[in-house]
Amino acid sequence: LVPFYYINKVVFAFIIIVLVHYIFSKYILPGMVYLLVSRIFIVEDLEDIFY
C-alpha cells in the first residue's frame, strides 16, 4: 500500500491546487483587479484636476 500513499498525496495536492486556483480566479482576483483599476482612474482624474 505504500505506492498508493504517494499517489493519494499527489492527487489531493493537485485537487487542492485546482480548488485554490479556481477560488482565487473566481472571487478574489476580480476584486483586486477592480480595486487597482479604480485607483488608477482616481489618480488619473486627480492629475487632470490639479496639474
PDB file of N, CA and C in Angstrom:
ATOM      1  N   LEU A   1       0.804  -1.212   0.000  1.00  0.00           N
ATOM      2  CA  LEU A   1       0.000   0.000   0.000  1.00  0.00           C
ATOM      3  C   LEU A   1       0.842   1.270   0.000  1.00  0.00           C
ATOM      4  N   VAL A   2       2.151   1.148   0.050  1.00  0.00           N
ATOM      5  CA  VAL A   2       2.985   2.352   0.113  1.00  0.00           C
ATOM      6  C   VAL A   2       2.876   3.193  -1.158  1.00  0.00           C
ATOM      7  N   PRO A   3       2.876   2.602  -2.374  1.00  0.00           N
ATOM      8  CA  PRO A   3       2.760   3.470  -3.559  1.00  0.00           C
ATOM      9  C   PRO A   3       1.459   4.262  -3.593  1.00  0.00           C
ATOM     10  N   PHE A   4       0.370   3.650  -3.102  1.00  0.00           N
ATOM     11  CA  PHE A   4      -0.906   4.355  -3.120  1.00  0.00           C
ATOM     12  C   PHE A   4      -0.890   5.556  -2.190  1.00  0.00           C
ATOM     13  N   TYR A   5      -0.084   5.500  -1.143  1.00  0.00           N
ATOM     14  CA  TYR A   5       0.038   6.633  -0.228  1.00  0.00           C
ATOM     15  C   TYR A   5       0.564   7.853  -0.974  1.00  0.00           C
ATOM     16  N   TYR A   6       1.599   7.663  -1.779  1.00  0.00           N
ATOM     17  CA  TYR A   6       2.177   8.794  -2.508  1.00  0.00           C
ATOM     18  C   TYR A   6       1.251   9.264  -3.624  1.00  0.00           C
ATOM     19  N   ILE A   7       0.588   8.318  -4.294  1.00  0.00           N
ATOM     20  CA  ILE A   7      -0.376   8.708  -5.326  1.00  0.00           C
ATOM     21  C   ILE A   7      -1.508   9.508  -4.694  1.00  0.00           C
ATOM     22  N   ASN A   8      -1.945   9.086  -3.521  1.00  0.00           N
ATOM     23  CA  ASN A   8      -3.013   9.780  -2.809  1.00  0.00           C
ATOM     24  C   ASN A   8      -2.580  11.201  -2.458  1.00  0.00           C
ATOM     25  N   LYS A   9      -1.356  11.359  -1.972  1.00  0.00           N
ATOM     26  CA  LYS A   9      -0.864  12.700  -1.637  1.00  0.00           C
ATOM     27  C   LYS A   9      -0.798  13.581  -2.874  1.00  0.00           C
ATOM     28  N   VAL A  10      -0.317  13.034  -3.982  1.00  0.00           N
ATOM     29  CA  VAL A  10      -0.210  13.817  -5.218  1.00  0.00           C
ATOM     30  C   VAL A  10      -1.590  14.227  -5.707  1.00  0.00           C
ATOM     31  N   VAL A  11      -2.542  13.286  -5.669  1.00  0.00           N
ATOM     32  CA  VAL A  11      -3.893  13.590  -6.151  1.00  0.00           C
ATOM     33  C   VAL A  11      -4.533  14.664  -5.283  1.00  0.00           C
ATOM     34  N   PHE A  12      -4.410  14.541  -3.963  1.00  0.00           N
ATOM     35  CA  PHE A  12      -5.018  15.538  -3.094  1.00  0.00           C
ATOM     36  C   PHE A  12      -4.341  16.893  -3.243  1.00  0.00           C
ATOM     37  N   ALA A  13      -3.024  16.918  -3.400  1.00  0.00           N
ATOM     38  CA  ALA A  13      -2.329  18.187  -3.613  1.00  0.00           C
ATOM     39  C   ALA A  13      -2.798  18.833  -4.913  1.00  0.00           C
ATOM     40  N   PHE A  14      -2.957  18.036  -5.968  1.00  0.00           N
ATOM     41  CA  PHE A  14      -3.422  18.570  -7.250  1.00  0.00           C
ATOM     42  C   PHE A  14      -4.837  19.129  -7.127  1.00  0.00           C
ATOM     43  N   ILE A  15      -5.712  18.393  -6.408  1.00  0.00           N
ATOM     44  CA  ILE A  15      -7.087  18.865  -6.219  1.00  0.00           C
ATOM     45  C   ILE A  15      -7.093  20.177  -5.443  1.00  0.00           C
ATOM     46  N   ILE A  16      -6.266  20.269  -4.401  1.00  0.00           N
ATOM     47  CA  ILE A  16      -6.215  21.495  -3.603  1.00  0.00           C
ATOM     48  C   ILE A  16      -5.700  22.656  -4.442  1.00  0.00           C
ATOM     49  N   ILE A  17      -4.679  22.416  -5.264  1.00  0.00           N
ATOM     50  CA  ILE A  17      -4.146  23.482  -6.119  1.00  0.00           C
ATOM     51  C   ILE A  17      -5.211  23.954  -7.099  1.00  0.00           C
ATOM     52  N   VAL A  18      -5.949  23.018  -7.692  1.00  0.00           N
ATOM     53  CA  VAL A  18      -7.005  23.398  -8.639  1.00  0.00           C
ATOM     54  C   VAL A  18      -8.094  24.196  -7.929  1.00  0.00           C
ATOM     55  N   LEU A  19      -8.490  23.767  -6.729  1.00  0.00           N
ATOM     56  CA  LEU A  19      -9.526  24.488  -5.994  1.00  0.00           C
ATOM     57  C   LEU A  19      -9.073  25.895  -5.618  1.00  0.00           C
ATOM     58  N   VAL A  20      -7.836  26.035  -5.140  1.00  0.00           N
ATOM     59  CA  VAL A  20      -7.332  27.359  -4.765  1.00  0.00           C
ATOM     60  C   VAL A  20      -7.268  28.260  -5.994  1.00  0.00           C
ATOM     61  N   HIS A  21      -6.813  27.710  -7.104  1.00  0.00           N
ATOM     62  CA  HIS A  21      -6.748  28.485  -8.347  1.00  0.00           C
ATOM     63  C   HIS A  21      -8.140  28.946  -8.769  1.00  0.00           C
ATOM     64  N   TYR A  22      -9.126  28.057  -8.682  1.00  0.00           N
ATOM     65  CA  TYR A  22     -10.489  28.417  -9.074  1.00  0.00           C
ATOM     66  C   TYR A  22     -11.056  29.492  -8.150  1.00  0.00           C
ATOM     67  N   ILE A  23     -10.867  29.318  -6.837  1.00  0.00           N
ATOM     68  CA  ILE A  23     -11.420  30.286  -5.883  1.00  0.00           C
ATOM     69  C   ILE A  23     -10.774  31.653  -6.075  1.00  0.00           C
ATOM     70  N   PHE A  24      -9.440  31.675  -6.261  1.00  0.00           N
ATOM     71  CA  PHE A  24      -8.769  32.954  -6.473  1.00  0.00           C
ATOM     72  C   PHE A  24      -9.262  33.614  -7.748  1.00  0.00           C
ATOM     73  N   SER A  25      -9.337  32.865  -8.848  1.00  0.00           N
ATOM     74  CA  SER A  25      -9.695  33.473 -10.126  1.00  0.00           C
ATOM     75  C   SER A  25     -11.169  33.859 -10.169  1.00  0.00           C
ATOM     76  N   LYS A  26     -12.010  33.190  -9.393  1.00  0.00           N
ATOM     77  CA  LYS A  26     -13.446  33.470  -9.441  1.00  0.00           C
ATOM     78  C   LYS A  26     -13.845  34.582  -8.480  1.00  0.00           C
ATOM     79  N   TYR A  27     -13.262  34.625  -7.286  1.00  0.00           N
ATOM     80  CA  TYR A  27     -13.757  35.517  -6.250  1.00  0.00           C
ATOM     81  C   TYR A  27     -12.745  36.579  -5.815  1.00  0.00           C
ATOM     82  N   ILE A  28     -11.481  36.230  -5.642  1.00  0.00           N
ATOM     83  CA  ILE A  28     -10.535  37.144  -5.003  1.00  0.00           C
ATOM     84  C   ILE A  28      -9.880  38.067  -6.017  1.00  0.00           C
ATOM     85  N   LEU A  29      -9.371  37.516  -7.118  1.00  0.00           N
ATOM     86  CA  LEU A  29      -8.632  38.339  -8.071  1.00  0.00           C
ATOM     87  C   LEU A  29      -9.491  39.388  -8.776  1.00  0.00           C
ATOM     88  N   PRO A  30     -10.745  39.121  -9.169  1.00  0.00           N
ATOM     89  CA  PRO A  30     -11.525  40.204  -9.790  1.00  0.00           C
ATOM     90  C   PRO A  30     -11.692  41.410  -8.871  1.00  0.00           C
ATOM     91  N   GLY A  31     -11.871  41.181  -7.587  1.00  0.00           N
ATOM     92  CA  GLY A  31     -11.972  42.304  -6.655  1.00  0.00           C
ATOM     93  C   GLY A  31     -10.684  43.087  -6.570  1.00  0.00           C
ATOM     94  N   MET A  32      -9.551  42.389  -6.561  1.00  0.00           N
ATOM     95  CA  MET A  32      -8.267  43.085  -6.501  1.00  0.00           C
ATOM     96  C   MET A  32      -8.026  43.872  -7.782  1.00  0.00           C
ATOM     97  N   VAL A  33      -8.366  43.277  -8.929  1.00  0.00           N
ATOM     98  CA  VAL A  33      -8.196  43.981 -10.205  1.00  0.00           C
ATOM     99  C   VAL A  33      -9.105  45.203 -10.247  1.00  0.00           C
ATOM    100  N   TYR A  34     -10.344  45.066  -9.787  1.00  0.00           N
ATOM    101  CA  TYR A  34     -11.267  46.196  -9.760  1.00  0.00           C
ATOM    102  C   TYR A  34     -10.727  47.316  -8.875  1.00  0.00           C
ATOM    103  N   LEU A  35     -10.164  46.942  -7.725  1.00  0.00           N
ATOM    104  CA  LEU A  35      -9.603  47.938  -6.815  1.00  0.00           C
ATOM    105  C   LEU A  35      -8.436  48.668  -7.461  1.00  0.00           C
ATOM    106  N   LEU A  36      -7.522  47.932  -8.086  1.00  0.00           N
ATOM    107  CA  LEU A  36      -6.359  48.569  -8.708  1.00  0.00           C
ATOM    108  C   LEU A  36      -6.776  49.461  -9.869  1.00  0.00           C
ATOM    109  N   VAL A  37      -7.716  49.001 -10.700  1.00  0.00           N
ATOM    110  CA  VAL A  37      -8.161  49.812 -11.841  1.00  0.00           C
ATOM    111  C   VAL A  37      -8.856  51.072 -11.350  1.00  0.00           C
ATOM    112  N   SER A  38      -9.684  50.948 -10.319  1.00  0.00           N
ATOM    113  CA  SER A  38     -10.360  52.140  -9.804  1.00  0.00           C
ATOM    114  C   SER A  38      -9.356  53.114  -9.207  1.00  0.00           C
ATOM    115  N   ARG A  39      -8.310  52.619  -8.535  1.00  0.00           N
ATOM    116  CA  ARG A  39      -7.264  53.514  -8.033  1.00  0.00           C
ATOM    117  C   ARG A  39      -6.571  54.241  -9.177  1.00  0.00           C
ATOM    118  N   ILE A  40      -6.273  53.517 -10.260  1.00  0.00           N
ATOM    119  CA  ILE A  40      -5.598  54.143 -11.403  1.00  0.00           C
ATOM    120  C   ILE A  40      -6.477  55.252 -11.973  1.00  0.00           C
ATOM    121  N   PHE A  41      -7.782  54.991 -12.134  1.00  0.00           N
ATOM    122  CA  PHE A  41      -8.663  56.018 -12.695  1.00  0.00           C
ATOM    123  C   PHE A  41      -8.800  57.202 -11.752  1.00  0.00           C
ATOM    124  N   ILE A  42      -8.852  56.964 -10.431  1.00  0.00           N
ATOM    125  CA  ILE A  42      -8.941  58.067  -9.476  1.00  0.00           C
ATOM    126  C   ILE A  42      -7.688  58.931  -9.562  1.00  0.00           C
ATOM    127  N   VAL A  43      -6.520  58.312  -9.617  1.00  0.00           N
ATOM    128  CA  VAL A  43      -5.274  59.074  -9.679  1.00  0.00           C
ATOM    129  C   VAL A  43      -5.202  59.857 -10.985  1.00  0.00           C
ATOM    130  N   GLU A  44      -5.630  59.258 -12.096  1.00  0.00           N
ATOM    131  CA  GLU A  44      -5.612  59.983 -13.369  1.00  0.00           C
ATOM    132  C   GLU A  44      -6.561  61.174 -13.325  1.00  0.00           C
ATOM    133  N   ASP A  45      -7.726  61.012 -12.717  1.00  0.00           N
ATOM    134  CA  ASP A  45      -8.661  62.130 -12.612  1.00  0.00           C
ATOM    135  C   ASP A  45      -8.080  63.237 -11.743  1.00  0.00           C
ATOM    136  N   LEU A  46      -7.427  62.868 -10.634  1.00  0.00           N
ATOM    137  CA  LEU A  46      -6.827  63.884  -9.771  1.00  0.00           C
ATOM    138  C   LEU A  46      -5.698  64.613 -10.487  1.00  0.00           C
ATOM    139  N   GLU A  47      -4.914  63.884 -11.289  1.00  0.00           N
ATOM    140  CA  GLU A  47      -3.846  64.541 -12.042  1.00  0.00           C
ATOM    141  C   GLU A  47      -4.433  65.511 -13.059  1.00  0.00           C
ATOM    142  N   ASP A  48      -5.557  65.154 -13.676  1.00  0.00           N
ATOM    143  CA  ASP A  48      -6.189  66.063 -14.632  1.00  0.00           C
ATOM    144  C   ASP A  48      -6.700  67.318 -13.933  1.00  0.00           C
ATOM    145  N   ILE A  49      -7.168  67.174 -12.704  1.00  0.00           N
ATOM    146  CA  ILE A  49      -7.732  68.321 -11.996  1.00  0.00           C
ATOM    147  C   ILE A  49      -6.624  69.254 -11.501  1.00  0.00           C
ATOM    148  N   PHE A  50      -5.583  68.692 -10.889  1.00  0.00           N
ATOM    149  CA  PHE A  50      -4.613  69.521 -10.181  1.00  0.00           C
ATOM    150  C   PHE A  50      -3.428  69.940 -11.028  1.00  0.00           C
ATOM    151  N   TYR A  51      -3.109  69.228 -12.102  1.00  0.00           N
ATOM    152  CA  TYR A  51      -1.871  69.552 -12.825  1.00  0.00           C
ATOM    153  C   TYR A  51      -2.141  70.008 -14.232  1.00  0.00           C
TER     154      TYR A  51
END
